[in-house]
PDB file of N, CA and C in Angstrom:
ATOM      1  N   MET A   1      98.813 100.182 111.338  1.00  0.00           N
ATOM      2  CA  MET A   1      97.639 100.778 110.725  1.00  0.00           C
ATOM      3  C   MET A   1      97.819 102.299 110.752  1.00  0.00           C
ATOM      4  N   GLU A   2      98.147 102.851 109.607  1.00  0.00           N
ATOM      5  CA  GLU A   2      98.347 104.285 109.473  1.00  0.00           C
ATOM      6  C   GLU A   2      97.034 104.961 109.081  1.00  0.00           C
ATOM      7  N   PRO A   3      96.618 105.999 109.809  1.00  0.00           N
ATOM      8  CA  PRO A   3      95.354 106.662 109.484  1.00  0.00           C
ATOM      9  C   PRO A   3      95.271 107.148 108.038  1.00  0.00           C
ATOM     10  N   ILE A   4      96.361 107.658 107.478  1.00  0.00           N
ATOM     11  CA  ILE A   4      96.301 108.169 106.111  1.00  0.00           C
ATOM     12  C   ILE A   4      96.013 107.039 105.126  1.00  0.00           C
ATOM     13  N   GLU A   5      96.592 105.849 105.362  1.00  0.00           N
ATOM     14  CA  GLU A   5      96.332 104.695 104.487  1.00  0.00           C
ATOM     15  C   GLU A   5      94.881 104.242 104.605  1.00  0.00           C
ATOM     16  N   ILE A   6      94.359 104.309 105.800  1.00  0.00           N
ATOM     17  CA  ILE A   6      92.963 103.927 106.016  1.00  0.00           C
ATOM     18  C   ILE A   6      92.038 104.873 105.265  1.00  0.00           C
ATOM     19  N   PHE A   7      92.272 106.171 105.400  1.00  0.00           N
ATOM     20  CA  PHE A   7      91.398 107.132 104.730  1.00  0.00           C
ATOM     21  C   PHE A   7      91.529 107.057 103.217  1.00  0.00           C
ATOM     22  N   LYS A   8      92.725 106.802 102.725  1.00  0.00           N
ATOM     23  CA  LYS A   8      92.908 106.606 101.282  1.00  0.00           C
ATOM     24  C   LYS A   8      92.104 105.391 100.818  1.00  0.00           C
ATOM     25  N   ALA A   9      92.200 104.310 101.580  1.00  0.00           N
ATOM     26  CA  ALA A   9      91.483 103.087 101.218  1.00  0.00           C
ATOM     27  C   ALA A   9      89.975 103.302 101.205  1.00  0.00           C
ATOM     28  N   LEU A  10      89.490 104.108 102.126  1.00  0.00           N
ATOM     29  CA  LEU A  10      88.046 104.349 102.236  1.00  0.00           C
ATOM     30  C   LEU A  10      87.542 105.423 101.272  1.00  0.00           C
ATOM     31  N   SER A  11      88.443 106.037 100.527  1.00  0.00           N
ATOM     32  CA  SER A  11      88.042 107.152  99.657  1.00  0.00           C
ATOM     33  C   SER A  11      87.556 106.707  98.285  1.00  0.00           C
ATOM     34  N   ASN A  12      87.374 105.420  98.081  1.00  0.00           N
ATOM     35  CA  ASN A  12      86.942 104.891  96.794  1.00  0.00           C
ATOM     36  C   ASN A  12      85.633 104.129  96.970  1.00  0.00           C
ATOM     37  N   GLU A  13      84.654 104.432  96.138  1.00  0.00           N
ATOM     38  CA  GLU A  13      83.326 103.830  96.271  1.00  0.00           C
ATOM     39  C   GLU A  13      83.366 102.302  96.130  1.00  0.00           C
ATOM     40  N   SER A  14      84.173 101.799  95.211  1.00  0.00           N
ATOM     41  CA  SER A  14      84.253 100.343  95.020  1.00  0.00           C
ATOM     42  C   SER A  14      84.880  99.653  96.216  1.00  0.00           C
ATOM     43  N   ARG A  15      85.896 100.247  96.812  1.00  0.00           N
ATOM     44  CA  ARG A  15      86.510  99.654  97.998  1.00  0.00           C
ATOM     45  C   ARG A  15      85.540  99.672  99.177  1.00  0.00           C
ATOM     46  N   LEU A  16      84.775 100.747  99.309  1.00  0.00           N
ATOM     47  CA  LEU A  16      83.740 100.780 100.349  1.00  0.00           C
ATOM     48  C   LEU A  16      82.699  99.691 100.108  1.00  0.00           C
ATOM     49  N   GLN A  17      82.346  99.484  98.842  1.00  0.00           N
ATOM     50  CA  GLN A  17      81.369  98.453  98.495  1.00  0.00           C
ATOM     51  C   GLN A  17      81.895  97.070  98.871  1.00  0.00           C
ATOM     52  N   ILE A  18      83.157  96.830  98.596  1.00  0.00           N
ATOM     53  CA  ILE A  18      83.759  95.540  98.975  1.00  0.00           C
ATOM     54  C   ILE A  18      83.620  95.313 100.479  1.00  0.00           C
ATOM     55  N   LEU A  19      83.955  96.330 101.268  1.00  0.00           N
ATOM     56  CA  LEU A  19      83.832  96.202 102.729  1.00  0.00           C
ATOM     57  C   LEU A  19      82.395  95.932 103.150  1.00  0.00           C
ATOM     58  N   GLN A  20      81.438  96.570 102.488  1.00  0.00           N
ATOM     59  CA  GLN A  20      80.032  96.336 102.814  1.00  0.00           C
ATOM     60  C   GLN A  20      79.623  94.909 102.465  1.00  0.00           C
ATOM     61  N   TRP A  21      80.022  94.430 101.302  1.00  0.00           N
ATOM     62  CA  TRP A  21      79.693  93.050 100.914  1.00  0.00           C
ATOM     63  C   TRP A  21      80.317  92.046 101.871  1.00  0.00           C
ATOM     64  N   LEU A  22      81.568  92.288 102.271  1.00  0.00           N
ATOM     65  CA  LEU A  22      82.262  91.344 103.150  1.00  0.00           C
ATOM     66  C   LEU A  22      81.683  91.337 104.562  1.00  0.00           C
ATOM     67  N   LYS A  23      80.925  92.363 104.900  1.00  0.00           N
ATOM     68  CA  LYS A  23      80.282  92.391 106.219  1.00  0.00           C
ATOM     69  C   LYS A  23      79.231  91.282 106.322  1.00  0.00           C
ATOM     70  N   GLU A  24      78.535  91.008 105.215  1.00  0.00           N
ATOM     71  CA  GLU A  24      77.520  89.962 105.163  1.00  0.00           C
ATOM     72  C   GLU A  24      77.760  89.095 103.929  1.00  0.00           C
ATOM     73  N   PRO A  25      78.814  88.294 103.937  1.00  0.00           N
ATOM     74  CA  PRO A  25      79.159  87.546 102.727  1.00  0.00           C
ATOM     75  C   PRO A  25      78.080  86.560 102.272  1.00  0.00           C
ATOM     76  N   ASP A  26      77.361  85.944 103.207  1.00  0.00           N
ATOM     77  CA  ASP A  26      76.306  84.994 102.827  1.00  0.00           C
ATOM     78  C   ASP A  26      75.197  85.662 102.036  1.00  0.00           C
ATOM     79  N   ARG A  27      75.003  86.927 102.259  1.00  0.00           N
ATOM     80  CA  ARG A  27      73.950  87.681 101.583  1.00  0.00           C
ATOM     81  C   ARG A  27      74.362  88.082 100.162  1.00  0.00           C
ATOM     82  N   HIS A  28      75.658  88.220  99.926  1.00  0.00           N
ATOM     83  CA  HIS A  28      76.120  88.791  98.662  1.00  0.00           C
ATOM     84  C   HIS A  28      76.868  87.827  97.748  1.00  0.00           C
ATOM     85  N   PHE A  29      77.297  86.671  98.257  1.00  0.00           N
ATOM     86  CA  PHE A  29      78.099  85.756  97.468  1.00  0.00           C
ATOM     87  C   PHE A  29      77.628  84.320  97.637  1.00  0.00           C
ATOM     88  N   ILE A  30      77.908  83.503  96.624  1.00  0.00           N
ATOM     89  CA  ILE A  30      77.677  82.069  96.705  1.00  0.00           C
ATOM     90  C   ILE A  30      78.994  81.438  97.127  1.00  0.00           C
ATOM     91  N   PRO A  31      79.009  80.658  98.207  1.00  0.00           N
ATOM     92  CA  PRO A  31      80.289  80.132  98.714  1.00  0.00           C
ATOM     93  C   PRO A  31      80.899  79.085  97.785  1.00  0.00           C
ATOM     94  N   HIS A  32      82.231  79.020  97.810  1.00  0.00           N
ATOM     95  CA  HIS A  32      82.922  77.905  97.180  1.00  0.00           C
ATOM     96  C   HIS A  32      82.622  76.668  98.000  1.00  0.00           C
ATOM     97  N   GLU A  33      82.629  75.529  97.365  1.00  0.00           N
ATOM     98  CA  GLU A  33      82.335  74.279  98.052  1.00  0.00           C
ATOM     99  C   GLU A  33      83.289  74.064  99.225  1.00  0.00           C
ATOM    100  N   GLY A  34      82.720  73.835 100.384  1.00  0.00           N
ATOM    101  CA  GLY A  34      83.516  73.539 101.562  1.00  0.00           C
ATOM    102  C   GLY A  34      84.111  74.752 102.258  1.00  0.00           C
ATOM    103  N   ILE A  35      83.785  75.963 101.817  1.00  0.00           N
ATOM    104  CA  ILE A  35      84.347  77.180 102.411  1.00  0.00           C
ATOM    105  C   ILE A  35      83.267  77.916 103.196  1.00  0.00           C
ATOM    106  N   ASP A  36      83.539  78.173 104.468  1.00  0.00           N
ATOM    107  CA  ASP A  36      82.661  78.995 105.292  1.00  0.00           C
ATOM    108  C   ASP A  36      83.093  80.445 105.103  1.00  0.00           C
ATOM    109  N   MET A  37      82.300  81.199 104.354  1.00  0.00           N
ATOM    110  CA  MET A  37      82.669  82.579 104.013  1.00  0.00           C
ATOM    111  C   MET A  37      82.791  83.473 105.236  1.00  0.00           C
ATOM    112  N   ASN A  38      82.029  83.191 106.276  1.00  0.00           N
ATOM    113  CA  ASN A  38      82.119  84.011 107.481  1.00  0.00           C
ATOM    114  C   ASN A  38      83.413  83.753 108.245  1.00  0.00           C
ATOM    115  N   LYS A  39      83.954  82.540 108.120  1.00  0.00           N
ATOM    116  CA  LYS A  39      85.177  82.185 108.822  1.00  0.00           C
ATOM    117  C   LYS A  39      86.416  82.404 107.950  1.00  0.00           C
ATOM    118  N   ILE A  40      86.364  81.992 106.692  1.00  0.00           N
ATOM    119  CA  ILE A  40      87.525  82.024 105.796  1.00  0.00           C
ATOM    120  C   ILE A  40      87.537  83.284 104.938  1.00  0.00           C
ATOM    121  N   GLY A  41      86.396  83.626 104.350  1.00  0.00           N
ATOM    122  CA  GLY A  41      86.307  84.803 103.496  1.00  0.00           C
ATOM    123  C   GLY A  41      85.733  84.483 102.133  1.00  0.00           C
ATOM    124  N   VAL A  42      85.856  85.445 101.247  1.00  0.00           N
ATOM    125  CA  VAL A  42      85.281  85.367  99.901  1.00  0.00           C
ATOM    126  C   VAL A  42      86.425  85.350  98.890  1.00  0.00           C
ATOM    127  N   CYS A  43      86.301  84.497  97.888  1.00  0.00           N
ATOM    128  CA  CYS A  43      87.330  84.352  96.859  1.00  0.00           C
ATOM    129  C   CYS A  43      87.425  85.614  96.001  1.00  0.00           C
ATOM    130  N   VAL A  44      88.642  85.948  95.616  1.00  0.00           N
ATOM    131  CA  VAL A  44      88.881  87.137  94.785  1.00  0.00           C
ATOM    132  C   VAL A  44      88.076  87.083  93.496  1.00  0.00           C
ATOM    133  N   SER A  45      87.892  85.910  92.922  1.00  0.00           N
ATOM    134  CA  SER A  45      87.141  85.819  91.667  1.00  0.00           C
ATOM    135  C   SER A  45      85.673  86.201  91.868  1.00  0.00           C
ATOM    136  N   GLN A  46      85.112  85.878  93.022  1.00  0.00           N
ATOM    137  CA  GLN A  46      83.732  86.256  93.311  1.00  0.00           C
ATOM    138  C   GLN A  46      83.607  87.772  93.463  1.00  0.00           C
ATOM    139  N   ILE A  47      84.582  88.385  94.110  1.00  0.00           N
ATOM    140  CA  ILE A  47      84.577  89.834  94.287  1.00  0.00           C
ATOM    141  C   ILE A  47      84.734  90.516  92.933  1.00  0.00           C
ATOM    142  N   THR A  48      85.637  89.983  92.104  1.00  0.00           N
ATOM    143  CA  THR A  48      85.857  90.520  90.764  1.00  0.00           C
ATOM    144  C   THR A  48      84.569  90.480  89.952  1.00  0.00           C
ATOM    145  N   ASP A  49      83.889  89.339  89.968  1.00  0.00           N
ATOM    146  CA  ASP A  49      82.638  89.199  89.213  1.00  0.00           C
ATOM    147  C   ASP A  49      81.586  90.187  89.689  1.00  0.00           C
ATOM    148  N   LYS A  50      81.471  90.344  90.992  1.00  0.00           N
ATOM    149  CA  LYS A  50      80.448  91.238  91.547  1.00  0.00           C
ATOM    150  C   LYS A  50      80.757  92.700  91.236  1.00  0.00           C
ATOM    151  N   LEU A  51      82.038  93.061  91.219  1.00  0.00           N
ATOM    152  CA  LEU A  51      82.435  94.430  90.884  1.00  0.00           C
ATOM    153  C   LEU A  51      82.271  94.736  89.394  1.00  0.00           C
ATOM    154  N   LYS A  52      82.238  93.666  88.584  1.00  0.00           N
ATOM    155  CA  LYS A  52      82.199  93.813  87.122  1.00  0.00           C
ATOM    156  C   LYS A  52      83.422  94.594  86.638  1.00  0.00           C
ATOM    157  N   MET A  53      84.583  94.194  87.160  1.00  0.00           N
ATOM    158  CA  MET A  53      85.868  94.808  86.814  1.00  0.00           C
ATOM    159  C   MET A  53      86.841  93.710  86.431  1.00  0.00           C
ATOM    160  N   THR A  54      87.984  94.119  85.916  1.00  0.00           N
ATOM    161  CA  THR A  54      89.029  93.143  85.635  1.00  0.00           C
ATOM    162  C   THR A  54      89.597  92.634  86.953  1.00  0.00           C
ATOM    163  N   GLN A  55      90.202  91.445  86.902  1.00  0.00           N
ATOM    164  CA  GLN A  55      90.782  90.890  88.117  1.00  0.00           C
ATOM    165  C   GLN A  55      91.943  91.754  88.603  1.00  0.00           C
ATOM    166  N   SER A  56      92.685  92.364  87.683  1.00  0.00           N
ATOM    167  CA  SER A  56      93.816  93.186  88.123  1.00  0.00           C
ATOM    168  C   SER A  56      93.335  94.408  88.897  1.00  0.00           C
ATOM    169  N   THR A  57      92.237  95.031  88.462  1.00  0.00           N
ATOM    170  CA  THR A  57      91.704  96.190  89.177  1.00  0.00           C
ATOM    171  C   THR A  57      91.165  95.773  90.545  1.00  0.00           C
ATOM    172  N   ALA A  58      90.403  94.684  90.574  1.00  0.00           N
ATOM    173  CA  ALA A  58      89.865  94.198  91.849  1.00  0.00           C
ATOM    174  C   ALA A  58      91.008  93.827  92.798  1.00  0.00           C
ATOM    175  N   SER A  59      92.051  93.200  92.273  1.00  0.00           N
ATOM    176  CA  SER A  59      93.196  92.824  93.104  1.00  0.00           C
ATOM    177  C   SER A  59      93.911  94.051  93.656  1.00  0.00           C
ATOM    178  N   GLN A  60      93.998  95.109  92.860  1.00  0.00           N
ATOM    179  CA  GLN A  60      94.598  96.356  93.345  1.00  0.00           C
ATOM    180  C   GLN A  60      93.771  96.928  94.488  1.00  0.00           C
ATOM    181  N   TYR A  61      92.459  96.938  94.327  1.00  0.00           N
ATOM    182  CA  TYR A  61      91.582  97.451  95.383  1.00  0.00           C
ATOM    183  C   TYR A  61      91.736  96.633  96.656  1.00  0.00           C
ATOM    184  N   LEU A  62      91.787  95.306  96.517  1.00  0.00           N
ATOM    185  CA  LEU A  62      91.940  94.439  97.681  1.00  0.00           C
ATOM    186  C   LEU A  62      93.305  94.644  98.338  1.00  0.00           C
ATOM    187  N   ALA A  63      94.333  94.867  97.538  1.00  0.00           N
ATOM    188  CA  ALA A  63      95.669  95.118  98.086  1.00  0.00           C
ATOM    189  C   ALA A  63      95.696  96.402  98.904  1.00  0.00           C
ATOM    190  N   ILE A  64      95.000  97.415  98.449  1.00  0.00           N
ATOM    191  CA  ILE A  64      94.932  98.688  99.183  1.00  0.00           C
ATOM    192  C   ILE A  64      94.214  98.484 100.520  1.00  0.00           C
ATOM    193  N   LEU A  65      93.102  97.759 100.501  1.00  0.00           N
ATOM    194  CA  LEU A  65      92.373  97.472 101.734  1.00  0.00           C
ATOM    195  C   LEU A  65      93.219  96.618 102.680  1.00  0.00           C
ATOM    196  N   LEU A  66      93.987  95.699 102.114  1.00  0.00           N
ATOM    197  CA  LEU A  66      94.856  94.837 102.911  1.00  0.00           C
ATOM    198  C   LEU A  66      95.980  95.636 103.563  1.00  0.00           C
ATOM    199  N   ARG A  67      96.631  96.511 102.798  1.00  0.00           N
ATOM    200  CA  ARG A  67      97.708  97.347 103.356  1.00  0.00           C
ATOM    201  C   ARG A  67      97.195  98.271 104.454  1.00  0.00           C
ATOM    202  N   ALA A  68      95.958  98.724 104.312  1.00  0.00           N
ATOM    203  CA  ALA A  68      95.361  99.597 105.322  1.00  0.00           C
ATOM    204  C   ALA A  68      94.933  98.815 106.561  1.00  0.00           C
ATOM    205  N   GLY A  69      94.947  97.480 106.478  1.00  0.00           N
ATOM    206  CA  GLY A  69      94.576  96.649 107.609  1.00  0.00           C
ATOM    207  C   GLY A  69      93.083  96.428 107.750  1.00  0.00           C
ATOM    208  N   LEU A  70      92.313  96.802 106.735  1.00  0.00           N
ATOM    209  CA  LEU A  70      90.854  96.693 106.817  1.00  0.00           C
ATOM    210  C   LEU A  70      90.323  95.305 106.478  1.00  0.00           C
ATOM    211  N   ILE A  71      91.138  94.522 105.765  1.00  0.00           N
ATOM    212  CA  ILE A  71      90.757  93.158 105.437  1.00  0.00           C
ATOM    213  C   ILE A  71      91.944  92.236 105.712  1.00  0.00           C
ATOM    214  N   ARG A  72      91.648  90.938 105.724  1.00  0.00           N
ATOM    215  CA  ARG A  72      92.663  89.899 105.881  1.00  0.00           C
ATOM    216  C   ARG A  72      92.560  88.964 104.684  1.00  0.00           C
ATOM    217  N   ALA A  73      93.675  88.351 104.328  1.00  0.00           N
ATOM    218  CA  ALA A  73      93.701  87.411 103.213  1.00  0.00           C
ATOM    219  C   ALA A  73      94.172  86.054 103.698  1.00  0.00           C
ATOM    220  N   GLU A  74      93.596  85.004 103.112  1.00  0.00           N
ATOM    221  CA  GLU A  74      94.025  83.640 103.414  1.00  0.00           C
ATOM    222  C   GLU A  74      94.060  82.861 102.107  1.00  0.00           C
ATOM    223  N   ARG A  75      95.199  82.271 101.837  1.00  0.00           N
ATOM    224  CA  ARG A  75      95.358  81.486 100.619  1.00  0.00           C
ATOM    225  C   ARG A  75      95.088  80.020 100.932  1.00  0.00           C
ATOM    226  N   ILE A  76      94.189  79.425 100.154  1.00  0.00           N
ATOM    227  CA  ILE A  76      93.874  78.002 100.265  1.00  0.00           C
ATOM    228  C   ILE A  76      93.954  77.433  98.856  1.00  0.00           C
ATOM    229  N   GLY A  77      94.936  76.586  98.641  1.00  0.00           N
ATOM    230  CA  GLY A  77      95.148  76.032  97.299  1.00  0.00           C
ATOM    231  C   GLY A  77      95.493  77.150  96.330  1.00  0.00           C
ATOM    232  N   LYS A  78      94.759  77.209  95.235  1.00  0.00           N
ATOM    233  CA  LYS A  78      95.038  78.249  94.233  1.00  0.00           C
ATOM    234  C   LYS A  78      94.184  79.503  94.437  1.00  0.00           C
ATOM    235  N   TYR A  79      93.374  79.537  95.473  1.00  0.00           N
ATOM    236  CA  TYR A  79      92.477  80.671  95.705  1.00  0.00           C
ATOM    237  C   TYR A  79      92.922  81.507  96.906  1.00  0.00           C
ATOM    238  N   THR A  80      92.677  82.804  96.811  1.00  0.00           N
ATOM    239  CA  THR A  80      92.881  83.696  97.948  1.00  0.00           C
ATOM    240  C   THR A  80      91.514  84.198  98.379  1.00  0.00           C
ATOM    241  N   TYR A  81      91.264  84.106  99.674  1.00  0.00           N
ATOM    242  CA  TYR A  81      89.988  84.512 100.255  1.00  0.00           C
ATOM    243  C   TYR A  81      90.200  85.742 101.128  1.00  0.00           C
ATOM    244  N   TYR A  82      89.234  86.650 101.084  1.00  0.00           N
ATOM    245  CA  TYR A  82      89.330  87.903 101.821  1.00  0.00           C
ATOM    246  C   TYR A  82      88.153  88.040 102.766  1.00  0.00           C
ATOM    247  N   LYS A  83      88.448  88.556 103.959  1.00  0.00           N
ATOM    248  CA  LYS A  83      87.387  88.863 104.925  1.00  0.00           C
ATOM    249  C   LYS A  83      87.747  90.144 105.649  1.00  0.00           C
ATOM    250  N   ARG A  84      86.754  90.766 106.238  1.00  0.00           N
ATOM    251  CA  ARG A  84      86.960  92.012 106.977  1.00  0.00           C
ATOM    252  C   ARG A  84      87.782  91.760 108.227  1.00  0.00           C
ATOM    253  N   ASN A  85      88.577  92.744 108.587  1.00  0.00           N
ATOM    254  CA  ASN A  85      89.318  92.730 109.847  1.00  0.00           C
ATOM    255  C   ASN A  85      88.482  93.557 110.834  1.00  0.00           C
ATOM    256  N   GLU A  86      87.578  92.887 111.499  1.00  0.00           N
ATOM    257  CA  GLU A  86      86.613  93.576 112.364  1.00  0.00           C
ATOM    258  C   GLU A  86      87.282  94.312 113.521  1.00  0.00           C
ATOM    259  N   GLU A  87      88.378  93.770 114.034  1.00  0.00           N
ATOM    260  CA  GLU A  87      89.081  94.437 115.131  1.00  0.00           C
ATOM    261  C   GLU A  87      89.632  95.786 114.669  1.00  0.00           C
ATOM    262  N   ALA A  88      90.227  95.809 113.499  1.00  0.00           N
ATOM    263  CA  ALA A  88      90.781  97.057 112.960  1.00  0.00           C
ATOM    264  C   ALA A  88      89.679  98.061 112.666  1.00  0.00           C
ATOM    265  N   ILE A  89      88.577  97.586 112.136  1.00  0.00           N
ATOM    266  CA  ILE A  89      87.459  98.483 111.823  1.00  0.00           C
ATOM    267  C   ILE A  89      86.895  99.081 113.110  1.00  0.00           C
ATOM    268  N   ALA A  90      86.824  98.285 114.181  1.00  0.00           N
ATOM    269  CA  ALA A  90      86.353  98.793 115.474  1.00  0.00           C
ATOM    270  C   ALA A  90      87.311  99.852 116.023  1.00  0.00           C
ATOM    271  N   LYS A  91      88.626  99.634 115.863  1.00  0.00           N
ATOM    272  CA  LYS A  91      89.603 100.630 116.316  1.00  0.00           C
ATOM    273  C   LYS A  91      89.448 101.940 115.555  1.00  0.00           C
ATOM    274  N   ILE A  92      89.208 101.828 114.262  1.00  0.00           N
ATOM    275  CA  ILE A  92      89.008 103.038 113.446  1.00  0.00           C
ATOM    276  C   ILE A  92      87.774 103.802 113.927  1.00  0.00           C
ATOM    277  N   ALA A  93      86.721 103.073 114.201  1.00  0.00           N
ATOM    278  CA  ALA A  93      85.497 103.722 114.701  1.00  0.00           C
ATOM    279  C   ALA A  93      85.771 104.429 116.025  1.00  0.00           C
ATOM    280  N   ASP A  94      86.555 103.806 116.907  1.00  0.00           N
ATOM    281  CA  ASP A  94      86.913 104.434 118.176  1.00  0.00           C
ATOM    282  C   ASP A  94      87.751 105.696 117.965  1.00  0.00           C
ATOM    283  N   ILE A  95      88.712 105.616 117.044  1.00  0.00           N
ATOM    284  CA  ILE A  95      89.548 106.770 116.750  1.00  0.00           C
ATOM    285  C   ILE A  95      88.695 107.921 116.260  1.00  0.00           C
ATOM    286  N   LEU A  96      87.784 107.639 115.348  1.00  0.00           N
ATOM    287  CA  LEU A  96      86.921 108.699 114.815  1.00  0.00           C
ATOM    288  C   LEU A  96      86.029 109.288 115.901  1.00  0.00           C
ATOM    289  N   LYS A  97      85.524 108.412 116.756  1.00  0.00           N
ATOM    290  CA  LYS A  97      84.639 108.866 117.823  1.00  0.00           C
ATOM    291  C   LYS A  97      85.367 109.757 118.821  1.00  0.00           C
ATOM    292  N   ASN A  98      86.606 109.387 119.141  1.00  0.00           N
ATOM    293  CA  ASN A  98      87.344 110.079 120.193  1.00  0.00           C
ATOM    294  C   ASN A  98      88.212 111.233 119.709  1.00  0.00           C
ATOM    295  N   GLU A  99      88.618 111.192 118.471  1.00  0.00           N
ATOM    296  CA  GLU A  99      89.571 112.183 117.978  1.00  0.00           C
ATOM    297  C   GLU A  99      88.941 113.305 117.146  1.00  0.00           C
ATOM    298  N   LEU A 100      87.830 113.035 116.532  1.00  0.00           N
ATOM    299  CA  LEU A 100      87.234 114.063 115.652  1.00  0.00           C
ATOM    300  C   LEU A 100      86.023 114.706 116.282  1.00  0.00           C
TER     301      LEU A 100
END
């Protein structure tokens, strides 16, 4: 987890919005049948629809968040599900608290 990648990832309003939605997925998304969004995550197509963007743009945003370590991805069948990496987010908060 490189700090510069984290700050780059957080410098976009849509990527911040994704992180906020993923914090409370039940509040912002309708789950796929049989998927616990809090445990597995939210499907890329649901995030794309909510962003009102093309899937390629949403996928790029998710890839940036993934490389920064802020989210995790899990592939189930033909779908990829994304959820927040709470441990990494807590470490970032500690770094900001202690270093700045």
